[in-house]
Amino acid sequence: MTHTSPNVTIHTAGLGDLDTIVDTLATGFHDGDFADWLIPEPATRAAVYPGYFRILAEHALSTGWVELAGDGEAVAVWHTLGSAPIAAVPIPRYQHRLADAVGPEALPRFQALDAALEEHHPAGAHHYLAFLAVRPRLRGNGLGSALLECHHRYLDKHAIPAYLEATGLRNQQLYLRHGYQPHPPYLLAEDSPQALPMWRPPRPGAAG
């Protein structure tokens, strides 16, 4: 499915887009708010992130909803969740694949991240924005906002709420502008940065 926002074409990704999705996620999150805590050394992070995000992207393409802006310069990864826990559709052999991808030193931090996100995830039917990434050289051009607005039109039309975790105050401001409401923050681990959970009620009158 293809949509056009002002000056931005957005389409639903398929398996043929996997490499583009992985590259955009890995480069988009390389300098993210959790990055230094997950893998402090930038060169190691650059080597690890593509394998890590490939696991998650493959899963999202088979069970979720992935949207690309333009030629893949920005990507949004959504999961459609019901009343069951976030892990209702598990990734096959996930712990083994995660260990292979990130290595023994970083593995406990990635496991702590997963456990904290699952523990604090709200119940009830909603769409979960797992990732929103823009290639660094194109940030500030409205690609992330275009992806949000496109998916929100669907959510508002069908009266579906949305949930996400902002990773810092800067991207929290972006989500506030798009109708998300902050929930109490929480730590991923004792020495970690905070996750900033946010919830967006549907706006049926805004759907168009």
N, C-alpha and C. Protein backbone atom coordinates (compact mmCIF):
# COMPACT_ATOMS: atom_id res chain seq x y z
N MET A 1 0.85 -1.19 0.00
CA MET A 1 0.00 0.00 0.00
C MET A 1 0.89 1.24 0.00
N THR A 2 0.54 2.22 -0.83
CA THR A 2 1.32 3.45 -0.95
C THR A 2 0.46 4.65 -0.61
N HIS A 3 1.02 5.57 0.15
CA HIS A 3 0.36 6.81 0.51
C HIS A 3 1.30 7.96 0.19
N THR A 4 0.73 9.12 -0.05
CA THR A 4 1.54 10.29 -0.30
C THR A 4 1.19 11.36 0.71
N SER A 5 2.14 11.71 1.58
CA SER A 5 2.02 12.87 2.44
C SER A 5 2.68 14.02 1.71
N PRO A 6 2.56 15.26 2.19
CA PRO A 6 3.19 16.38 1.49
C PRO A 6 4.66 16.13 1.20
N ASN A 7 4.98 15.97 -0.09
CA ASN A 7 6.36 15.80 -0.57
C ASN A 7 7.01 14.49 -0.13
N VAL A 8 6.26 13.57 0.45
CA VAL A 8 6.84 12.31 0.92
C VAL A 8 5.92 11.16 0.49
N THR A 9 6.49 10.17 -0.19
CA THR A 9 5.75 8.97 -0.54
C THR A 9 6.05 7.89 0.49
N ILE A 10 5.01 7.27 1.00
CA ILE A 10 5.14 6.26 2.04
C ILE A 10 4.51 4.97 1.54
N HIS A 11 5.21 3.86 1.71
CA HIS A 11 4.65 2.58 1.29
C HIS A 11 4.90 1.52 2.36
N THR A 12 4.04 0.51 2.35
CA THR A 12 4.20 -0.62 3.25
C THR A 12 5.31 -1.52 2.73
N ALA A 13 6.25 -1.85 3.59
CA ALA A 13 7.43 -2.59 3.18
C ALA A 13 7.12 -4.07 3.00
N GLY A 14 7.94 -4.71 2.17
CA GLY A 14 7.89 -6.16 1.98
C GLY A 14 9.26 -6.76 2.21
N LEU A 15 9.36 -8.07 2.01
CA LEU A 15 10.62 -8.77 2.27
C LEU A 15 11.76 -8.23 1.41
N GLY A 16 11.44 -7.73 0.22
CA GLY A 16 12.46 -7.16 -0.64
C GLY A 16 13.09 -5.90 -0.09
N ASP A 17 12.47 -5.31 0.92
CA ASP A 17 12.99 -4.09 1.54
C ASP A 17 13.84 -4.37 2.77
N LEU A 18 14.07 -5.65 3.08
CA LEU A 18 14.70 -6.00 4.35
C LEU A 18 16.05 -5.31 4.53
N ASP A 19 16.92 -5.37 3.54
CA ASP A 19 18.25 -4.78 3.69
C ASP A 19 18.18 -3.27 3.93
N THR A 20 17.26 -2.61 3.23
CA THR A 20 17.09 -1.16 3.42
C THR A 20 16.60 -0.86 4.83
N ILE A 21 15.64 -1.64 5.31
CA ILE A 21 15.12 -1.44 6.67
C ILE A 21 16.22 -1.61 7.70
N VAL A 22 17.00 -2.66 7.57
CA VAL A 22 18.08 -2.93 8.52
C VAL A 22 19.09 -1.78 8.52
N ASP A 23 19.46 -1.32 7.34
CA ASP A 23 20.46 -0.25 7.25
C ASP A 23 19.93 1.04 7.86
N THR A 24 18.67 1.37 7.59
CA THR A 24 18.11 2.60 8.15
C THR A 24 17.98 2.51 9.66
N LEU A 25 17.55 1.37 10.19
CA LEU A 25 17.47 1.21 11.64
C LEU A 25 18.85 1.27 12.29
N ALA A 26 19.82 0.58 11.70
CA ALA A 26 21.16 0.54 12.30
C ALA A 26 21.83 1.91 12.29
N THR A 27 21.71 2.64 11.18
CA THR A 27 22.33 3.97 11.12
C THR A 27 21.52 4.98 11.92
N GLY A 28 20.20 4.84 11.89
CA GLY A 28 19.35 5.79 12.60
C GLY A 28 19.49 5.71 14.11
N PHE A 29 19.76 4.52 14.63
CA PHE A 29 19.88 4.35 16.08
C PHE A 29 21.33 4.30 16.56
N HIS A 30 22.28 4.44 15.64
CA HIS A 30 23.68 4.33 16.05
C HIS A 30 24.06 5.35 17.12
N ASP A 31 23.51 6.56 17.02
CA ASP A 31 23.79 7.59 18.02
C ASP A 31 22.57 7.90 18.88
N GLY A 32 21.69 6.90 19.05
CA GLY A 32 20.48 7.09 19.82
C GLY A 32 20.74 7.22 21.32
N ASP A 33 19.68 7.54 22.06
CA ASP A 33 19.81 7.81 23.49
C ASP A 33 20.22 6.59 24.30
N PHE A 34 19.90 5.39 23.83
CA PHE A 34 20.27 4.17 24.55
C PHE A 34 21.59 3.60 24.05
N ALA A 35 22.15 4.14 22.96
CA ALA A 35 23.25 3.49 22.27
C ALA A 35 24.50 3.37 23.12
N ASP A 36 24.90 4.44 23.80
CA ASP A 36 26.12 4.39 24.61
C ASP A 36 26.00 3.41 25.76
N TRP A 37 24.80 3.25 26.28
CA TRP A 37 24.59 2.29 27.37
C TRP A 37 24.60 0.86 26.84
N LEU A 38 23.96 0.62 25.71
CA LEU A 38 23.90 -0.73 25.16
C LEU A 38 25.28 -1.21 24.72
N ILE A 39 25.97 -0.40 23.92
CA ILE A 39 27.30 -0.75 23.42
C ILE A 39 28.14 0.52 23.42
N PRO A 40 28.97 0.73 24.43
CA PRO A 40 29.68 2.00 24.57
C PRO A 40 30.63 2.33 23.41
N GLU A 41 31.26 1.35 22.82
CA GLU A 41 32.25 1.60 21.77
C GLU A 41 31.56 1.77 20.42
N PRO A 42 31.65 2.96 19.79
CA PRO A 42 30.93 3.20 18.53
C PRO A 42 31.27 2.23 17.41
N ALA A 43 32.54 1.85 17.27
CA ALA A 43 32.91 0.93 16.19
C ALA A 43 32.28 -0.44 16.41
N THR A 44 32.27 -0.90 17.66
CA THR A 44 31.61 -2.18 17.96
C THR A 44 30.12 -2.09 17.70
N ARG A 45 29.53 -0.97 18.09
CA ARG A 45 28.09 -0.77 17.86
C ARG A 45 27.76 -0.81 16.37
N ALA A 46 28.58 -0.17 15.57
CA ALA A 46 28.35 -0.16 14.12
C ALA A 46 28.42 -1.55 13.53
N ALA A 47 29.27 -2.40 14.11
CA ALA A 47 29.39 -3.77 13.63
C ALA A 47 28.24 -4.66 14.11
N VAL A 48 27.72 -4.38 15.31
CA VAL A 48 26.71 -5.23 15.94
C VAL A 48 25.29 -4.88 15.49
N TYR A 49 24.99 -3.60 15.36
CA TYR A 49 23.61 -3.18 15.14
C TYR A 49 22.95 -3.81 13.90
N PRO A 50 23.63 -3.93 12.76
CA PRO A 50 22.92 -4.53 11.61
C PRO A 50 22.41 -5.94 11.90
N GLY A 51 23.20 -6.78 12.54
CA GLY A 51 22.73 -8.12 12.87
C GLY A 51 21.58 -8.12 13.86
N TYR A 52 21.68 -7.23 14.83
CA TYR A 52 20.61 -7.12 15.83
C TYR A 52 19.30 -6.67 15.18
N PHE A 53 19.37 -5.61 14.38
CA PHE A 53 18.14 -5.10 13.77
C PHE A 53 17.60 -6.02 12.68
N ARG A 54 18.45 -6.85 12.11
CA ARG A 54 17.94 -7.82 11.13
C ARG A 54 16.99 -8.81 11.81
N ILE A 55 17.32 -9.25 13.00
CA ILE A 55 16.41 -10.15 13.73
C ILE A 55 15.04 -9.50 13.90
N LEU A 56 15.03 -8.25 14.35
CA LEU A 56 13.78 -7.57 14.64
C LEU A 56 13.03 -7.19 13.38
N ALA A 57 13.76 -6.82 12.32
CA ALA A 57 13.11 -6.43 11.07
C ALA A 57 12.46 -7.64 10.40
N GLU A 58 13.15 -8.77 10.38
CA GLU A 58 12.56 -9.98 9.80
C GLU A 58 11.26 -10.34 10.52
N HIS A 59 11.28 -10.24 11.83
CA HIS A 59 10.08 -10.56 12.61
C HIS A 59 8.95 -9.58 12.31
N ALA A 60 9.29 -8.30 12.24
CA ALA A 60 8.27 -7.28 11.97
C ALA A 60 7.65 -7.46 10.58
N LEU A 61 8.45 -7.82 9.61
CA LEU A 61 7.91 -8.02 8.26
C LEU A 61 6.96 -9.21 8.19
N SER A 62 7.15 -10.20 9.06
CA SER A 62 6.29 -11.38 9.02
C SER A 62 5.08 -11.26 9.94
N THR A 63 5.18 -10.46 11.00
CA THR A 63 4.08 -10.40 11.97
C THR A 63 3.58 -8.99 12.24
N GLY A 64 4.30 -7.98 11.77
CA GLY A 64 3.95 -6.59 12.09
C GLY A 64 3.57 -5.77 10.88
N TRP A 65 3.94 -4.50 10.94
CA TRP A 65 3.51 -3.52 9.96
C TRP A 65 4.67 -2.53 9.83
N VAL A 66 5.38 -2.58 8.70
CA VAL A 66 6.56 -1.74 8.49
C VAL A 66 6.29 -0.78 7.35
N GLU A 67 6.53 0.51 7.59
CA GLU A 67 6.29 1.53 6.58
C GLU A 67 7.58 2.30 6.30
N LEU A 68 7.81 2.59 5.03
CA LEU A 68 9.00 3.30 4.59
C LEU A 68 8.63 4.63 3.97
N ALA A 69 9.45 5.63 4.22
CA ALA A 69 9.29 6.93 3.58
C ALA A 69 10.30 7.05 2.45
N GLY A 70 9.85 7.53 1.30
CA GLY A 70 10.72 7.69 0.15
C GLY A 70 11.31 6.37 -0.28
N ASP A 71 12.63 6.34 -0.45
CA ASP A 71 13.33 5.13 -0.85
C ASP A 71 13.90 4.38 0.35
N GLY A 72 13.28 4.59 1.50
CA GLY A 72 13.74 3.92 2.71
C GLY A 72 14.59 4.80 3.59
N GLU A 73 14.54 6.13 3.35
CA GLU A 73 15.33 7.04 4.18
C GLU A 73 14.82 7.09 5.61
N ALA A 74 13.58 6.68 5.82
CA ALA A 74 13.00 6.62 7.17
C ALA A 74 12.10 5.40 7.25
N VAL A 75 12.01 4.82 8.43
CA VAL A 75 11.23 3.60 8.61
C VAL A 75 10.48 3.66 9.94
N ALA A 76 9.25 3.17 9.93
CA ALA A 76 8.46 3.00 11.15
C ALA A 76 8.07 1.54 11.26
N VAL A 77 8.32 0.95 12.42
CA VAL A 77 8.01 -0.46 12.68
C VAL A 77 6.91 -0.52 13.72
N TRP A 78 5.76 -1.02 13.32
CA TRP A 78 4.58 -1.12 14.19
C TRP A 78 4.24 -2.58 14.43
N HIS A 79 3.66 -2.86 15.60
CA HIS A 79 3.09 -4.16 15.89
C HIS A 79 1.64 -3.97 16.33
N THR A 80 0.77 -4.81 15.80
CA THR A 80 -0.64 -4.77 16.15
C THR A 80 -0.87 -5.73 17.30
N LEU A 81 -1.18 -5.18 18.47
CA LEU A 81 -1.28 -5.99 19.67
C LEU A 81 -2.71 -6.01 20.20
N GLY A 82 -3.10 -7.17 20.72
CA GLY A 82 -4.40 -7.29 21.36
C GLY A 82 -4.25 -7.20 22.86
N SER A 83 -5.04 -7.95 23.57
CA SER A 83 -4.99 -7.89 25.03
C SER A 83 -3.89 -8.77 25.60
N ALA A 84 -3.23 -9.56 24.76
CA ALA A 84 -2.17 -10.45 25.23
C ALA A 84 -0.88 -9.66 25.44
N PRO A 85 0.08 -10.22 26.16
CA PRO A 85 1.35 -9.53 26.39
C PRO A 85 2.09 -9.25 25.09
N ILE A 86 3.08 -8.36 25.17
CA ILE A 86 3.84 -7.96 24.00
C ILE A 86 4.54 -9.14 23.34
N ALA A 87 4.93 -10.14 24.12
CA ALA A 87 5.67 -11.27 23.58
C ALA A 87 4.76 -12.37 23.07
N ALA A 88 3.49 -12.05 22.75
CA ALA A 88 2.55 -13.08 22.33
C ALA A 88 2.99 -13.78 21.05
N VAL A 89 3.68 -13.07 20.14
CA VAL A 89 4.22 -13.68 18.92
C VAL A 89 5.74 -13.69 19.06
N PRO A 90 6.30 -14.75 19.60
CA PRO A 90 7.75 -14.76 19.88
C PRO A 90 8.57 -14.86 18.61
N ILE A 91 9.79 -14.36 18.69
CA ILE A 91 10.75 -14.52 17.60
C ILE A 91 11.41 -15.89 17.76
N PRO A 92 11.36 -16.74 16.74
CA PRO A 92 11.96 -18.08 16.88
C PRO A 92 13.44 -17.99 17.25
N ARG A 93 13.83 -18.77 18.25
CA ARG A 93 15.23 -18.88 18.70
C ARG A 93 15.81 -17.51 19.06
N TYR A 94 14.98 -16.65 19.60
CA TYR A 94 15.41 -15.26 19.79
C TYR A 94 16.63 -15.14 20.70
N GLN A 95 16.62 -15.78 21.86
CA GLN A 95 17.73 -15.61 22.79
C GLN A 95 19.04 -16.11 22.18
N HIS A 96 18.99 -17.20 21.45
CA HIS A 96 20.19 -17.71 20.80
C HIS A 96 20.65 -16.74 19.72
N ARG A 97 19.74 -16.25 18.90
CA ARG A 97 20.10 -15.33 17.83
C ARG A 97 20.59 -13.99 18.40
N LEU A 98 19.97 -13.54 19.48
CA LEU A 98 20.40 -12.29 20.11
C LEU A 98 21.83 -12.43 20.63
N ALA A 99 22.13 -13.53 21.30
CA ALA A 99 23.48 -13.74 21.82
C ALA A 99 24.50 -13.75 20.69
N ASP A 100 24.17 -14.40 19.58
CA ASP A 100 25.09 -14.43 18.44
C ASP A 100 25.30 -13.04 17.86
N ALA A 101 24.23 -12.23 17.84
CA ALA A 101 24.30 -10.92 17.20
C ALA A 101 25.06 -9.90 18.03
N VAL A 102 24.85 -9.87 19.34
CA VAL A 102 25.40 -8.77 20.14
C VAL A 102 26.63 -9.15 20.94
N GLY A 103 26.88 -10.45 21.13
CA GLY A 103 28.06 -10.89 21.87
C GLY A 103 27.83 -10.95 23.36
N PRO A 104 28.69 -11.68 24.07
CA PRO A 104 28.47 -11.93 25.50
C PRO A 104 28.56 -10.70 26.38
N GLU A 105 29.38 -9.71 26.02
CA GLU A 105 29.55 -8.54 26.88
C GLU A 105 28.30 -7.67 26.88
N ALA A 106 27.70 -7.46 25.72
CA ALA A 106 26.52 -6.59 25.61
C ALA A 106 25.21 -7.33 25.90
N LEU A 107 25.23 -8.65 25.83
CA LEU A 107 23.99 -9.42 25.94
C LEU A 107 23.18 -9.09 27.19
N PRO A 108 23.76 -9.00 28.40
CA PRO A 108 22.92 -8.69 29.57
C PRO A 108 22.17 -7.36 29.45
N ARG A 109 22.75 -6.37 28.79
CA ARG A 109 22.07 -5.09 28.64
C ARG A 109 20.91 -5.19 27.65
N PHE A 110 21.09 -5.92 26.57
CA PHE A 110 19.99 -6.12 25.64
C PHE A 110 18.87 -6.93 26.29
N GLN A 111 19.22 -7.90 27.11
CA GLN A 111 18.20 -8.68 27.81
C GLN A 111 17.47 -7.81 28.83
N ALA A 112 18.20 -6.92 29.51
CA ALA A 112 17.55 -6.00 30.45
C ALA A 112 16.61 -5.06 29.72
N LEU A 113 17.01 -4.59 28.56
CA LEU A 113 16.14 -3.74 27.74
C LEU A 113 14.85 -4.47 27.40
N ASP A 114 14.97 -5.69 26.89
CA ASP A 114 13.77 -6.46 26.52
C ASP A 114 12.86 -6.68 27.73
N ALA A 115 13.46 -7.05 28.86
CA ALA A 115 12.66 -7.36 30.05
C ALA A 115 11.93 -6.12 30.55
N ALA A 116 12.59 -4.97 30.55
CA ALA A 116 11.97 -3.74 31.04
C ALA A 116 10.83 -3.31 30.12
N LEU A 117 11.06 -3.38 28.81
CA LEU A 117 10.00 -2.99 27.88
C LEU A 117 8.77 -3.88 28.02
N GLU A 118 9.01 -5.17 28.19
CA GLU A 118 7.88 -6.09 28.33
C GLU A 118 7.16 -5.88 29.66
N GLU A 119 7.92 -5.68 30.73
CA GLU A 119 7.31 -5.51 32.05
C GLU A 119 6.39 -4.29 32.09
N HIS A 120 6.77 -3.22 31.43
CA HIS A 120 6.02 -1.97 31.52
C HIS A 120 5.03 -1.77 30.38
N HIS A 121 4.92 -2.75 29.50
CA HIS A 121 4.03 -2.56 28.35
C HIS A 121 2.57 -2.62 28.79
N PRO A 122 1.75 -1.69 28.31
CA PRO A 122 0.35 -1.67 28.74
C PRO A 122 -0.46 -2.79 28.10
N ALA A 123 -1.52 -3.18 28.79
CA ALA A 123 -2.46 -4.16 28.25
C ALA A 123 -3.47 -3.45 27.36
N GLY A 124 -4.27 -4.24 26.67
CA GLY A 124 -5.31 -3.69 25.82
C GLY A 124 -4.88 -3.60 24.37
N ALA A 125 -5.84 -3.61 23.49
CA ALA A 125 -5.57 -3.56 22.05
C ALA A 125 -5.00 -2.20 21.65
N HIS A 126 -3.93 -2.21 20.86
CA HIS A 126 -3.32 -0.97 20.39
C HIS A 126 -2.28 -1.30 19.33
N HIS A 127 -1.80 -0.28 18.66
CA HIS A 127 -0.64 -0.42 17.78
C HIS A 127 0.58 0.09 18.54
N TYR A 128 1.64 -0.70 18.47
CA TYR A 128 2.88 -0.39 19.20
C TYR A 128 3.95 0.06 18.21
N LEU A 129 4.43 1.29 18.37
CA LEU A 129 5.52 1.80 17.55
C LEU A 129 6.83 1.35 18.18
N ALA A 130 7.38 0.26 17.67
CA ALA A 130 8.61 -0.29 18.23
C ALA A 130 9.82 0.56 17.84
N PHE A 131 9.85 1.05 16.59
CA PHE A 131 10.98 1.84 16.11
C PHE A 131 10.51 2.89 15.11
N LEU A 132 11.11 4.06 15.21
CA LEU A 132 10.98 5.10 14.19
C LEU A 132 12.38 5.64 13.96
N ALA A 133 12.92 5.43 12.78
CA ALA A 133 14.31 5.81 12.49
C ALA A 133 14.38 6.60 11.19
N VAL A 134 15.26 7.60 11.18
CA VAL A 134 15.53 8.40 10.00
C VAL A 134 17.04 8.41 9.78
N ARG A 135 17.47 8.27 8.55
CA ARG A 135 18.91 8.33 8.27
C ARG A 135 19.44 9.68 8.73
N PRO A 136 20.59 9.69 9.41
CA PRO A 136 21.07 10.92 10.05
C PRO A 136 21.15 12.14 9.13
N ARG A 137 21.58 11.95 7.89
CA ARG A 137 21.76 13.12 7.00
C ARG A 137 20.43 13.75 6.58
N LEU A 138 19.31 13.07 6.85
CA LEU A 138 18.00 13.58 6.42
C LEU A 138 17.11 13.95 7.59
N ARG A 139 17.65 13.95 8.79
CA ARG A 139 16.83 14.35 9.93
C ARG A 139 16.45 15.82 9.81
N GLY A 140 15.28 16.15 10.33
CA GLY A 140 14.80 17.52 10.29
C GLY A 140 14.05 17.88 9.04
N ASN A 141 13.83 16.89 8.16
CA ASN A 141 13.10 17.14 6.91
C ASN A 141 11.65 16.66 6.96
N GLY A 142 11.18 16.25 8.11
CA GLY A 142 9.77 15.87 8.25
C GLY A 142 9.44 14.44 7.89
N LEU A 143 10.45 13.60 7.67
CA LEU A 143 10.17 12.22 7.28
C LEU A 143 9.53 11.43 8.43
N GLY A 144 10.04 11.60 9.63
CA GLY A 144 9.45 10.92 10.77
C GLY A 144 8.02 11.35 11.01
N SER A 145 7.77 12.65 10.92
CA SER A 145 6.40 13.16 11.09
C SER A 145 5.47 12.62 10.01
N ALA A 146 5.97 12.52 8.77
CA ALA A 146 5.14 12.00 7.69
C ALA A 146 4.74 10.55 7.95
N LEU A 147 5.69 9.75 8.46
CA LEU A 147 5.36 8.36 8.79
C LEU A 147 4.32 8.29 9.90
N LEU A 148 4.49 9.10 10.92
CA LEU A 148 3.51 9.11 12.01
C LEU A 148 2.13 9.53 11.51
N GLU A 149 2.07 10.60 10.76
CA GLU A 149 0.78 11.11 10.29
C GLU A 149 0.07 10.09 9.41
N CYS A 150 0.85 9.39 8.59
CA CYS A 150 0.25 8.37 7.72
C CYS A 150 -0.39 7.26 8.55
N HIS A 151 0.33 6.75 9.51
CA HIS A 151 -0.21 5.64 10.31
C HIS A 151 -1.33 6.14 11.23
N HIS A 152 -1.20 7.33 11.73
CA HIS A 152 -2.24 7.86 12.60
C HIS A 152 -3.57 8.02 11.88
N ARG A 153 -3.54 8.30 10.59
CA ARG A 153 -4.80 8.40 9.85
C ARG A 153 -5.54 7.06 9.90
N TYR A 154 -4.79 5.97 9.77
CA TYR A 154 -5.41 4.65 9.88
C TYR A 154 -5.92 4.42 11.30
N LEU A 155 -5.12 4.74 12.30
CA LEU A 155 -5.53 4.53 13.69
C LEU A 155 -6.77 5.34 14.03
N ASP A 156 -6.81 6.59 13.59
CA ASP A 156 -7.96 7.43 13.90
C ASP A 156 -9.22 6.93 13.19
N LYS A 157 -9.06 6.48 11.97
CA LYS A 157 -10.21 5.97 11.22
C LYS A 157 -10.83 4.76 11.91
N HIS A 158 -9.98 3.93 12.52
CA HIS A 158 -10.45 2.69 13.14
C HIS A 158 -10.50 2.77 14.67
N ALA A 159 -10.32 3.97 15.21
CA ALA A 159 -10.41 4.21 16.66
C ALA A 159 -9.47 3.31 17.46
N ILE A 160 -8.21 3.27 17.03
CA ILE A 160 -7.21 2.42 17.67
C ILE A 160 -6.18 3.31 18.36
N PRO A 161 -5.87 3.07 19.62
CA PRO A 161 -4.81 3.84 20.29
C PRO A 161 -3.42 3.34 19.89
N ALA A 162 -2.41 4.13 20.26
CA ALA A 162 -1.02 3.78 19.96
C ALA A 162 -0.17 3.96 21.20
N TYR A 163 0.93 3.20 21.24
CA TYR A 163 1.85 3.25 22.37
C TYR A 163 3.28 3.20 21.84
N LEU A 164 4.19 3.85 22.57
CA LEU A 164 5.61 3.83 22.22
C LEU A 164 6.43 4.17 23.46
N GLU A 165 7.74 3.98 23.33
CA GLU A 165 8.67 4.45 24.35
C GLU A 165 9.60 5.47 23.69
N ALA A 166 9.47 6.73 24.05
CA ALA A 166 10.47 7.71 23.63
C ALA A 166 11.75 7.43 24.39
N THR A 167 12.89 7.70 23.75
CA THR A 167 14.17 7.39 24.38
C THR A 167 14.89 8.61 24.91
N GLY A 168 14.30 9.78 24.74
CA GLY A 168 14.92 11.00 25.23
C GLY A 168 13.96 12.16 25.09
N LEU A 169 14.32 13.29 25.69
CA LEU A 169 13.42 14.44 25.70
C LEU A 169 13.19 15.00 24.31
N ARG A 170 14.19 14.91 23.44
CA ARG A 170 14.03 15.47 22.09
C ARG A 170 12.97 14.72 21.30
N ASN A 171 13.05 13.39 21.28
CA ASN A 171 12.02 12.70 20.51
C ASN A 171 10.70 12.64 21.26
N GLN A 172 10.73 12.80 22.58
CA GLN A 172 9.47 12.93 23.30
C GLN A 172 8.70 14.16 22.82
N GLN A 173 9.41 15.25 22.55
CA GLN A 173 8.75 16.45 22.04
C GLN A 173 8.09 16.20 20.69
N LEU A 174 8.74 15.42 19.84
CA LEU A 174 8.13 15.08 18.55
C LEU A 174 6.80 14.37 18.77
N TYR A 175 6.80 13.38 19.66
CA TYR A 175 5.58 12.61 19.87
C TYR A 175 4.50 13.43 20.57
N LEU A 176 4.89 14.33 21.45
CA LEU A 176 3.89 15.21 22.05
C LEU A 176 3.16 16.02 20.99
N ARG A 177 3.89 16.47 19.98
CA ARG A 177 3.27 17.25 18.90
C ARG A 177 2.30 16.42 18.09
N HIS A 178 2.43 15.10 18.17
CA HIS A 178 1.55 14.22 17.39
C HIS A 178 0.48 13.56 18.27
N GLY A 179 0.23 14.13 19.44
CA GLY A 179 -0.90 13.70 20.23
C GLY A 179 -0.63 12.63 21.26
N TYR A 180 0.65 12.29 21.49
CA TYR A 180 0.97 11.29 22.51
C TYR A 180 1.02 11.94 23.89
N GLN A 181 0.59 11.19 24.88
CA GLN A 181 0.56 11.67 26.26
C GLN A 181 1.60 10.90 27.08
N PRO A 182 2.43 11.60 27.86
CA PRO A 182 3.48 10.92 28.62
C PRO A 182 2.93 10.12 29.79
N HIS A 183 3.52 8.97 30.01
CA HIS A 183 3.28 8.14 31.18
C HIS A 183 4.54 8.19 32.06
N PRO A 184 4.49 7.73 33.29
CA PRO A 184 5.68 7.80 34.15
C PRO A 184 6.88 7.09 33.55
N PRO A 185 8.04 7.72 33.56
CA PRO A 185 9.24 7.09 33.01
C PRO A 185 9.74 5.96 33.92
N TYR A 186 10.61 5.13 33.35
CA TYR A 186 11.20 4.05 34.14
C TYR A 186 12.61 3.76 33.61
N LEU A 187 13.44 3.19 34.48
CA LEU A 187 14.79 2.80 34.11
C LEU A 187 14.79 1.41 33.48
N LEU A 188 15.67 1.21 32.51
CA LEU A 188 15.85 -0.12 31.94
C LEU A 188 16.64 -1.02 32.89
N ALA A 189 17.57 -0.44 33.63
CA ALA A 189 18.40 -1.13 34.62
C ALA A 189 18.93 -0.06 35.56
N GLU A 190 19.64 -0.46 36.59
CA GLU A 190 20.10 0.51 37.60
C GLU A 190 21.00 1.58 37.00
N ASP A 191 21.79 1.22 36.00
CA ASP A 191 22.76 2.16 35.43
C ASP A 191 22.34 2.68 34.06
N SER A 192 21.06 2.53 33.72
CA SER A 192 20.62 2.82 32.36
C SER A 192 19.97 4.19 32.23
N PRO A 193 19.77 4.66 31.00
CA PRO A 193 18.91 5.82 30.79
C PRO A 193 17.45 5.44 31.02
N GLN A 194 16.60 6.46 31.03
CA GLN A 194 15.18 6.24 31.22
C GLN A 194 14.46 5.98 29.89
N ALA A 195 13.46 5.12 29.95
CA ALA A 195 12.48 5.03 28.87
C ALA A 195 11.32 5.95 29.22
N LEU A 196 10.76 6.60 28.21
CA LEU A 196 9.69 7.57 28.40
C LEU A 196 8.44 7.07 27.67
N PRO A 197 7.63 6.24 28.33
CA PRO A 197 6.46 5.67 27.65
C PRO A 197 5.42 6.74 27.34
N MET A 198 4.71 6.53 26.22
CA MET A 198 3.72 7.51 25.78
C MET A 198 2.55 6.76 25.13
N TRP A 199 1.37 7.32 25.30
CA TRP A 199 0.12 6.71 24.80
C TRP A 199 -0.63 7.76 23.99
N ARG A 200 -1.16 7.35 22.86
CA ARG A 200 -1.94 8.26 22.01
C ARG A 200 -3.35 7.72 21.85
N PRO A 201 -4.34 8.38 22.43
CA PRO A 201 -5.72 7.97 22.18
C PRO A 201 -6.09 8.26 20.72
N PRO A 202 -6.98 7.48 20.15
CA PRO A 202 -7.39 7.78 18.78
C PRO A 202 -8.17 9.08 18.71
N ARG A 203 -8.13 9.70 17.53
CA ARG A 203 -8.86 10.92 17.27
C ARG A 203 -9.77 10.70 16.08
N PRO A 204 -10.90 10.05 16.31
CA PRO A 204 -11.78 9.68 15.17
C PRO A 204 -12.14 10.86 14.28
N GLY A 205 -12.33 12.03 14.86
CA GLY A 205 -12.70 13.18 14.04
C GLY A 205 -11.59 13.70 13.18
N ALA A 206 -10.34 13.26 13.46
CA ALA A 206 -9.20 13.75 12.69
C ALA A 206 -8.89 12.87 11.49
N ALA A 207 -9.51 11.69 11.40
CA ALA A 207 -9.20 10.77 10.30
C ALA A 207 -9.66 11.38 8.99
N GLY A 208 -8.83 11.21 7.98
CA GLY A 208 -9.20 11.73 6.67
C GLY A 208 -8.53 10.95 5.58
